[in-house]
N, C-alpha and C. Protein backbone atom coordinates (compact mmCIF):
# COMPACT_ATOMS: atom_id res chain seq x y z
N MET A 1 31.11 172.58 81.00
CA MET A 1 29.81 172.27 80.75
C MET A 1 29.48 171.16 81.44
N SER A 2 28.56 171.04 82.53
CA SER A 2 28.20 169.85 83.03
C SER A 2 27.10 169.01 82.42
N TRP A 3 27.70 167.74 82.44
CA TRP A 3 27.16 166.77 81.53
C TRP A 3 25.97 166.47 81.73
N SER A 4 25.37 166.66 82.94
CA SER A 4 24.16 166.34 83.81
C SER A 4 23.03 167.09 83.14
N ILE A 5 23.35 167.91 82.34
CA ILE A 5 22.50 168.63 81.44
C ILE A 5 22.05 167.80 80.21
N LEU A 6 22.87 166.90 79.83
CA LEU A 6 22.33 165.64 78.97
C LEU A 6 21.04 165.01 79.48
N ASN A 7 21.09 164.70 80.71
CA ASN A 7 19.68 164.19 81.11
C ASN A 7 18.58 165.07 81.25
N ARG A 8 18.97 166.44 82.06
CA ARG A 8 17.76 167.07 82.13
C ARG A 8 17.21 167.83 80.84
N MET A 9 17.93 167.97 79.52
CA MET A 9 17.41 168.51 78.41
C MET A 9 16.45 167.57 77.73
N ARG A 10 16.68 166.35 78.06
CA ARG A 10 15.70 165.32 77.21
C ARG A 10 14.24 165.25 77.82
N ARG A 11 13.55 166.10 77.75
CA ARG A 11 12.34 166.44 78.30
C ARG A 11 10.82 166.12 77.36
N GLN A 12 11.31 165.52 76.18
CA GLN A 12 10.12 165.20 75.11
C GLN A 12 10.31 163.68 75.05
N TYR A 13 9.38 162.97 74.18
CA TYR A 13 9.57 161.67 74.04
C TYR A 13 9.20 161.35 72.87
N ALA A 14 9.64 160.09 72.33
CA ALA A 14 9.84 159.63 71.20
C ALA A 14 9.66 158.06 70.80
N VAL A 15 9.09 157.56 69.80
CA VAL A 15 8.66 156.21 69.86
C VAL A 15 9.69 155.80 68.63
N TYR A 16 10.91 154.56 68.96
CA TYR A 16 11.68 154.26 68.10
C TYR A 16 11.58 152.88 67.57
N TRP A 17 11.54 152.62 66.48
CA TRP A 17 11.74 151.38 65.86
C TRP A 17 13.04 151.14 65.03
N ALA A 18 13.75 150.14 65.47
CA ALA A 18 15.19 149.69 65.14
C ALA A 18 14.65 148.78 63.80
N PRO A 19 15.64 148.74 63.15
CA PRO A 19 15.58 147.93 61.98
C PRO A 19 15.71 146.84 62.34
N ALA A 20 15.19 145.55 61.78
CA ALA A 20 15.22 144.33 62.31
C ALA A 20 15.85 143.48 61.26
N GLY A 21 15.91 143.81 60.26
CA GLY A 21 16.42 143.02 58.99
C GLY A 21 15.47 143.14 57.82
N VAL A 22 15.57 142.11 57.20
CA VAL A 22 14.77 142.34 55.57
C VAL A 22 13.88 140.95 55.43
N GLY A 23 12.81 141.04 55.11
CA GLY A 23 11.87 140.22 55.05
C GLY A 23 11.87 139.27 53.76
N SER A 24 11.18 138.25 53.25
CA SER A 24 11.57 137.38 52.42
C SER A 24 10.90 137.99 51.17
N ASP A 25 10.39 139.20 51.28
CA ASP A 25 9.94 139.86 49.94
C ASP A 25 10.99 141.08 49.58
N GLY A 26 12.13 140.99 50.54
CA GLY A 26 13.09 142.10 50.35
C GLY A 26 12.78 143.62 50.83
N GLU A 27 11.62 143.51 51.83
CA GLU A 27 11.09 144.84 52.45
C GLU A 27 11.91 144.91 54.02
N ALA A 28 12.19 145.91 54.36
CA ALA A 28 12.63 146.21 55.53
C ALA A 28 11.71 145.85 56.68
N THR A 29 12.04 145.20 57.77
CA THR A 29 11.25 145.00 58.75
C THR A 29 11.88 145.39 59.93
N TYR A 30 10.84 145.90 60.84
CA TYR A 30 11.12 146.74 62.32
C TYR A 30 11.02 146.24 63.58
N ALA A 31 11.61 146.26 64.62
CA ALA A 31 11.54 145.74 65.87
C ALA A 31 10.25 146.29 66.46
N ARG A 32 9.83 145.77 67.61
CA ARG A 32 8.74 146.59 68.52
C ARG A 32 9.00 147.64 68.91
N PRO A 33 7.99 148.69 68.76
CA PRO A 33 8.84 150.15 69.23
C PRO A 33 8.68 150.22 70.77
N ILE A 34 9.71 151.14 71.17
CA ILE A 34 9.85 151.65 72.38
C ILE A 34 9.90 152.97 72.43
N GLU A 35 9.86 153.39 73.81
CA GLU A 35 9.64 154.98 73.99
C GLU A 35 10.93 155.57 74.78
N LEU A 36 11.35 156.34 74.15
CA LEU A 36 12.69 157.07 74.65
C LEU A 36 12.48 158.48 75.23
N ARG A 37 13.14 159.09 76.08
CA ARG A 37 13.13 160.65 76.66
C ARG A 37 14.10 160.97 75.47
N VAL A 38 13.64 162.16 74.83
CA VAL A 38 14.65 162.85 74.06
C VAL A 38 14.58 164.38 73.92
N ARG A 39 15.17 165.02 73.41
CA ARG A 39 14.93 166.49 73.07
C ARG A 39 15.07 166.41 71.29
N TRP A 40 13.98 166.68 70.84
CA TRP A 40 13.72 167.05 69.57
C TRP A 40 13.62 168.48 68.94
N GLU A 41 14.87 168.66 68.31
CA GLU A 41 15.34 170.20 67.53
C GLU A 41 14.61 170.07 66.05
N GLY A 42 14.13 170.99 65.79
CA GLY A 42 13.75 171.33 64.13
C GLY A 42 14.90 172.31 63.86
N MET A 43 15.72 171.90 62.73
CA MET A 43 16.71 172.59 62.48
C MET A 43 17.46 172.19 61.06
N LYS A 44 18.11 173.04 60.08
CA LYS A 44 18.52 172.50 58.78
C LYS A 44 19.78 172.31 59.11
N MET A 45 20.34 171.08 58.41
CA MET A 45 21.66 170.78 58.45
C MET A 45 22.03 170.28 57.02
N LEU A 46 23.30 170.70 56.68
CA LEU A 46 23.81 170.28 55.21
C LEU A 46 24.51 168.88 55.52
N LEU A 47 23.73 167.93 54.73
CA LEU A 47 24.55 166.49 54.78
C LEU A 47 25.48 166.16 53.64
N ARG A 48 26.71 165.93 53.66
CA ARG A 48 27.28 165.60 52.35
C ARG A 48 27.97 164.45 52.97
N SER A 49 27.19 163.01 52.13
CA SER A 49 27.70 161.71 52.58
C SER A 49 28.72 161.49 51.56
N ASP A 50 28.69 162.04 49.95
CA ASP A 50 29.67 161.76 49.11
C ASP A 50 29.67 162.83 47.91
N PRO A 51 30.83 163.28 47.63
CA PRO A 51 31.07 164.31 46.76
C PRO A 51 30.46 164.06 45.56
N LEU A 52 30.31 162.89 45.11
CA LEU A 52 29.66 162.50 43.90
C LEU A 52 28.27 162.54 43.93
N TYR A 53 27.66 162.92 44.93
CA TYR A 53 26.33 162.75 44.76
C TYR A 53 25.51 164.24 45.47
N LYS A 54 24.34 164.73 45.16
CA LYS A 54 24.07 165.78 45.85
C LYS A 54 23.69 166.06 47.06
N ASP A 55 23.97 167.42 47.66
CA ASP A 55 23.67 167.43 49.13
C ASP A 55 22.21 167.00 49.65
N ASN A 56 22.34 166.93 50.85
CA ASN A 56 20.53 166.48 51.41
C ASN A 56 20.82 167.42 52.61
N GLN A 57 19.36 167.71 52.98
CA GLN A 57 19.33 168.75 53.96
C GLN A 57 18.49 167.89 55.22
N SER A 58 18.97 167.90 56.24
CA SER A 58 18.28 167.22 57.42
C SER A 58 17.28 168.44 57.94
N ARG A 59 16.07 167.65 58.27
CA ARG A 59 14.87 168.82 59.14
C ARG A 59 15.05 168.47 60.55
N GLU A 60 15.59 167.74 60.92
CA GLU A 60 15.46 167.40 62.44
C GLU A 60 16.75 166.80 63.26
N VAL A 61 17.01 167.31 64.20
CA VAL A 61 18.17 166.76 65.29
C VAL A 61 17.55 166.32 66.48
N VAL A 62 17.80 164.91 67.10
CA VAL A 62 17.44 164.53 67.94
C VAL A 62 18.40 164.03 69.00
N TYR A 63 18.40 164.46 70.18
CA TYR A 63 19.29 164.00 71.17
C TYR A 63 18.43 162.73 71.88
N VAL A 64 19.55 161.54 71.94
CA VAL A 64 18.78 160.42 72.21
C VAL A 64 19.53 159.75 73.32
N PRO A 65 19.07 158.92 74.43
CA PRO A 65 19.78 158.48 75.50
C PRO A 65 20.27 157.08 75.62
N GLN A 66 20.30 156.58 74.09
CA GLN A 66 20.93 155.27 73.78
C GLN A 66 21.27 155.19 72.24
N VAL A 67 22.21 154.35 71.97
CA VAL A 67 22.53 154.01 70.49
C VAL A 67 21.15 153.61 69.66
N VAL A 68 20.84 154.64 68.86
CA VAL A 68 19.80 154.00 67.70
C VAL A 68 20.80 153.75 66.42
N VAL A 69 20.11 153.13 65.37
CA VAL A 69 20.76 152.85 64.19
C VAL A 69 20.08 153.38 62.88
N ALA A 70 21.24 154.10 62.33
CA ALA A 70 20.70 154.58 61.08
C ALA A 70 19.82 153.73 60.12
N GLY A 71 18.36 153.90 59.64
CA GLY A 71 17.82 153.22 59.00
C GLY A 71 16.54 152.96 60.04
N GLY A 72 16.62 153.32 61.33
CA GLY A 72 15.64 153.09 62.26
C GLY A 72 14.62 154.25 61.95
N VAL A 73 13.44 154.46 62.72
CA VAL A 73 12.48 155.38 62.58
C VAL A 73 12.32 155.74 63.84
N LEU A 74 11.99 157.17 64.03
CA LEU A 74 11.64 158.04 65.26
C LEU A 74 10.38 158.71 65.05
N TRP A 75 9.34 158.82 65.82
CA TRP A 75 8.21 159.17 65.85
C TRP A 75 8.13 160.09 67.28
N LYS A 76 7.67 161.19 66.71
CA LYS A 76 7.69 162.54 67.69
C LYS A 76 6.41 162.28 68.67
N GLY A 77 6.39 161.88 70.02
CA GLY A 77 5.28 161.59 70.98
C GLY A 77 5.42 160.38 71.71
N ARG A 78 4.53 160.32 72.63
CA ARG A 78 4.42 158.79 73.53
C ARG A 78 4.16 157.71 73.27
N LEU A 79 4.66 156.46 73.33
CA LEU A 79 4.19 155.32 72.85
C LEU A 79 2.69 155.12 73.09
N ALA A 80 1.89 155.27 74.08
CA ALA A 80 0.56 155.13 74.24
C ALA A 80 -0.35 155.88 73.25
N THR A 81 0.08 157.04 72.74
CA THR A 81 -0.54 157.77 72.11
C THR A 81 -0.33 157.45 70.42
N CYS A 82 0.70 156.50 70.00
CA CYS A 82 1.25 156.22 68.70
C CYS A 82 0.31 155.31 68.03
N PRO A 83 -0.64 155.89 66.97
CA PRO A 83 -1.14 155.00 66.29
C PRO A 83 -0.46 153.84 65.54
N ALA A 84 0.58 154.11 64.99
CA ALA A 84 1.21 152.99 64.44
C ALA A 84 2.10 151.78 65.54
N ALA A 85 2.15 152.10 66.93
CA ALA A 85 2.55 151.48 68.05
C ALA A 85 1.52 150.18 67.94
N LYS A 86 0.20 150.50 67.37
CA LYS A 86 -0.73 149.43 67.72
C LYS A 86 -0.77 148.24 66.76
N THR A 87 0.00 148.73 65.74
CA THR A 87 0.15 148.05 64.01
C THR A 87 1.09 146.73 64.61
N VAL A 88 0.37 145.88 63.78
CA VAL A 88 1.09 144.37 64.07
C VAL A 88 2.06 143.85 63.21
N ASP A 89 1.89 144.73 61.72
CA ASP A 89 2.79 144.67 60.58
C ASP A 89 3.87 145.00 61.00
N PRO A 90 4.93 143.97 60.58
CA PRO A 90 6.37 144.84 60.91
C PRO A 90 7.02 145.17 59.74
N TYR A 91 6.33 145.55 58.77
CA TYR A 91 6.75 146.15 57.13
C TYR A 91 6.35 147.81 57.84
N GLN A 92 6.96 148.47 57.83
CA GLN A 92 6.54 150.00 57.84
C GLN A 92 5.25 150.21 58.64
N PRO A 93 5.18 149.81 59.70
CA PRO A 93 3.61 150.19 60.59
C PRO A 93 3.51 151.71 60.77
N PHE A 94 4.35 152.40 60.76
CA PHE A 94 4.35 153.98 60.56
C PHE A 94 4.19 154.38 58.99
N ALA A 95 4.11 154.00 58.20
CA ALA A 95 3.92 154.57 56.77
C ALA A 95 2.61 155.38 56.54
N GLY A 96 2.98 156.73 56.05
CA GLY A 96 1.82 157.38 55.93
C GLY A 96 1.59 158.57 57.15
N ASP A 97 2.44 158.23 57.99
CA ASP A 97 2.35 159.12 59.39
C ASP A 97 3.44 160.41 58.99
N GLU A 98 3.30 161.49 59.24
CA GLU A 98 3.79 162.62 59.06
C GLU A 98 4.85 162.81 60.10
N LEU A 99 4.42 162.34 61.24
CA LEU A 99 5.60 162.46 62.39
C LEU A 99 6.59 161.47 62.45
N ALA A 100 6.58 160.36 61.78
CA ALA A 100 7.62 159.46 61.55
C ALA A 100 8.74 159.80 60.90
N ARG A 101 10.00 159.83 61.11
CA ARG A 101 11.21 160.12 60.09
C ARG A 101 12.08 159.11 60.34
N GLU A 102 12.85 158.77 59.18
CA GLU A 102 14.00 157.65 59.09
C GLU A 102 15.09 158.49 59.80
N ILE A 103 15.78 157.71 60.60
CA ILE A 103 17.23 158.21 61.07
C ILE A 103 18.34 157.86 59.73
N SER A 104 18.79 159.03 59.61
CA SER A 104 20.07 159.09 58.33
C SER A 104 21.25 158.85 58.95
N ARG A 105 21.38 159.56 60.07
CA ARG A 105 22.88 159.47 60.60
C ARG A 105 22.45 159.26 62.23
N PHE A 106 23.66 158.91 62.70
CA PHE A 106 23.67 158.77 64.14
C PHE A 106 24.99 158.86 64.63
N ALA A 107 25.52 159.86 65.82
CA ALA A 107 27.06 160.05 66.18
C ALA A 107 26.76 159.93 67.74
N GLU A 108 27.65 159.70 68.04
CA GLU A 108 28.34 159.49 69.58
C GLU A 108 29.38 160.50 69.98
N TYR A 109 29.28 161.39 70.98
CA TYR A 109 30.37 162.14 71.33
C TYR A 109 30.59 162.14 72.85
N PRO A 110 31.95 161.56 73.13
CA PRO A 110 32.38 161.09 74.52
C PRO A 110 32.76 162.34 75.37
N THR A 111 32.58 162.04 76.65
CA THR A 111 33.38 163.11 77.40
C THR A 111 34.82 162.58 77.18
N ILE A 112 35.90 163.44 78.06
CA ILE A 112 36.96 163.18 77.92
C ILE A 112 37.58 161.93 78.58
N LYS A 113 36.65 161.42 79.61
CA LYS A 113 37.33 159.96 80.08
C LYS A 113 35.78 159.05 79.48
N ALA A 114 35.45 159.28 78.46
CA ALA A 114 34.65 158.59 77.87
C ALA A 114 33.64 157.34 78.74
N LYS A 115 32.92 158.19 79.75
CA LYS A 115 32.06 157.63 80.65
C LYS A 115 30.63 158.14 80.15
N LYS A 116 30.41 159.11 79.61
CA LYS A 116 29.28 159.86 79.17
C LYS A 116 29.40 160.11 77.68
N PHE A 117 27.89 160.28 77.27
CA PHE A 117 28.07 160.18 75.78
C PHE A 117 26.89 161.30 75.32
N LEU A 118 27.16 162.17 74.45
CA LEU A 118 25.99 162.77 73.87
C LEU A 118 25.71 162.29 72.53
N ARG A 119 24.63 161.90 72.26
CA ARG A 119 24.20 160.99 71.47
C ARG A 119 22.97 161.62 70.51
N VAL A 120 23.38 161.85 69.05
CA VAL A 120 22.54 162.68 68.44
C VAL A 120 22.22 161.59 67.07
N ALA A 121 20.80 161.66 66.74
CA ALA A 121 20.09 161.22 65.46
C ALA A 121 19.87 162.11 64.70
N VAL A 122 20.45 162.22 63.49
CA VAL A 122 19.89 163.14 62.30
C VAL A 122 18.97 162.66 61.54
N LEU A 123 17.70 163.32 61.59
CA LEU A 123 16.63 162.71 60.44
C LEU A 123 16.73 163.41 59.59
């Protein structure tokens, strides 16, 4: 498989908010949003995080060009058209938006020489 397909397959856009920490009231805060070129696929995946707890199902898998953090948020679309990007509130500026999803897992799969990576965010 040619790894150049990793760049060619990312023809969609997403807005990413990285977790920035916790505010004085204990609520999560987020960094300024950035726009990423991605491939956003809707699929069902069984997520088993701990055998003592029930299984969860993922709704989407997003192929991203850089490292993203679990707990961050992805919104499907361009930064210029994202209504939440104009919000100054660092506490969940995307609340109530159905296109915004929290990242539950992130995985990186290297090539044999570990110079290129397939990066996957599971929502």
